[in-house]
Protein backbone atom coordinates (compact mmCIF):
# COMPACT_ATOMS: atom_id res chain seq x y z
CA UNK A 1 -5.59 -70.67 -152.47
CA UNK A 2 -8.92 -72.21 -151.42
CA UNK A 3 -9.25 -75.87 -150.30
CA UNK A 4 -5.53 -76.58 -150.58
CA UNK A 5 -4.70 -80.30 -150.64
CA UNK A 6 -1.81 -81.47 -148.47
CA UNK A 7 -0.51 -85.00 -148.99
CA UNK A 8 0.55 -86.61 -145.73
CA UNK A 9 3.52 -88.82 -146.56
CA UNK A 10 5.49 -90.65 -143.87
CA UNK A 11 8.56 -92.79 -144.62
CA UNK A 12 7.79 -92.57 -148.33
CA UNK A 13 4.22 -93.87 -147.93
CA UNK A 14 1.13 -91.80 -148.57
CA UNK A 15 -0.97 -91.94 -145.41
CA UNK A 16 -3.80 -89.54 -146.24
CA UNK A 17 -4.77 -86.21 -147.74
CA UNK A 18 -5.68 -83.20 -145.64
CA UNK A 19 -7.50 -80.19 -147.05
CA UNK A 20 -7.04 -76.82 -145.37
CA UNK A 21 -9.55 -74.08 -146.08
CA UNK A 22 -6.90 -71.62 -147.26
CA UNK A 23 -3.22 -71.55 -148.10
CA UNK A 24 -2.26 -67.88 -147.68
CA UNK A 25 0.71 -66.33 -149.51
CA UNK A 26 2.21 -63.06 -148.26
CA UNK A 27 4.27 -60.52 -150.26
CA UNK A 28 7.39 -61.32 -148.21
CA UNK A 29 7.25 -64.94 -149.45
CA UNK A 30 5.91 -66.45 -146.23
CA UNK A 31 3.02 -68.92 -146.26
CA UNK A 32 0.36 -69.95 -143.72
CA UNK A 33 -2.35 -72.60 -143.61
CA UNK A 34 -5.72 -71.24 -142.39
CA UNK A 35 -8.58 -73.42 -141.21
CA UNK A 36 -12.04 -72.30 -140.06
CA UNK A 37 -13.49 -74.87 -137.66
CA UNK A 38 -16.79 -75.14 -135.88
CA UNK A 39 -16.35 -78.71 -134.66
CA UNK A 40 -13.00 -80.49 -134.29
CA UNK A 41 -13.13 -84.23 -134.96
CA UNK A 42 -10.51 -86.68 -133.71
CA UNK A 43 -9.46 -87.42 -137.31
CA UNK A 44 -9.01 -83.70 -138.04
CA UNK A 45 -6.92 -83.26 -134.87
CA UNK A 46 -4.64 -86.13 -135.90
CA UNK A 47 -4.20 -84.84 -139.45
CA UNK A 48 -3.48 -81.33 -138.13
CA UNK A 49 -0.74 -82.69 -135.86
CA UNK A 50 0.75 -84.67 -138.76
CA UNK A 51 0.76 -81.60 -141.03
CA UNK A 52 2.38 -79.50 -138.29
CA UNK A 53 5.08 -82.17 -137.82
CA UNK A 54 5.74 -82.57 -141.56
CA UNK A 55 5.67 -78.83 -142.38
CA UNK A 56 6.98 -77.08 -139.23
CA UNK A 57 8.00 -74.01 -141.25
CA UNK A 58 4.37 -73.26 -142.22
CA UNK A 59 2.16 -71.93 -139.40
CA UNK A 60 -1.25 -73.65 -139.14
CA UNK A 61 -3.79 -71.06 -138.01
CA UNK A 62 -7.22 -72.21 -136.75
CA UNK A 63 -10.10 -69.75 -136.60
CA UNK A 64 -13.03 -70.75 -134.40
């Protein structure tokens, strides 16, 4: 899935949206988020950490 939208919700309040480049589905049912980055902004780093904390079961893979 290209440009997958992730809603960042903390304590029932929507904080922001984060778009990953790809949400990858595997035949065994597992899922990964894939991001291709050239330049990492502070906002992106914060949103990535929030997504990793909210969805620890989904690996967040960054390709540079």
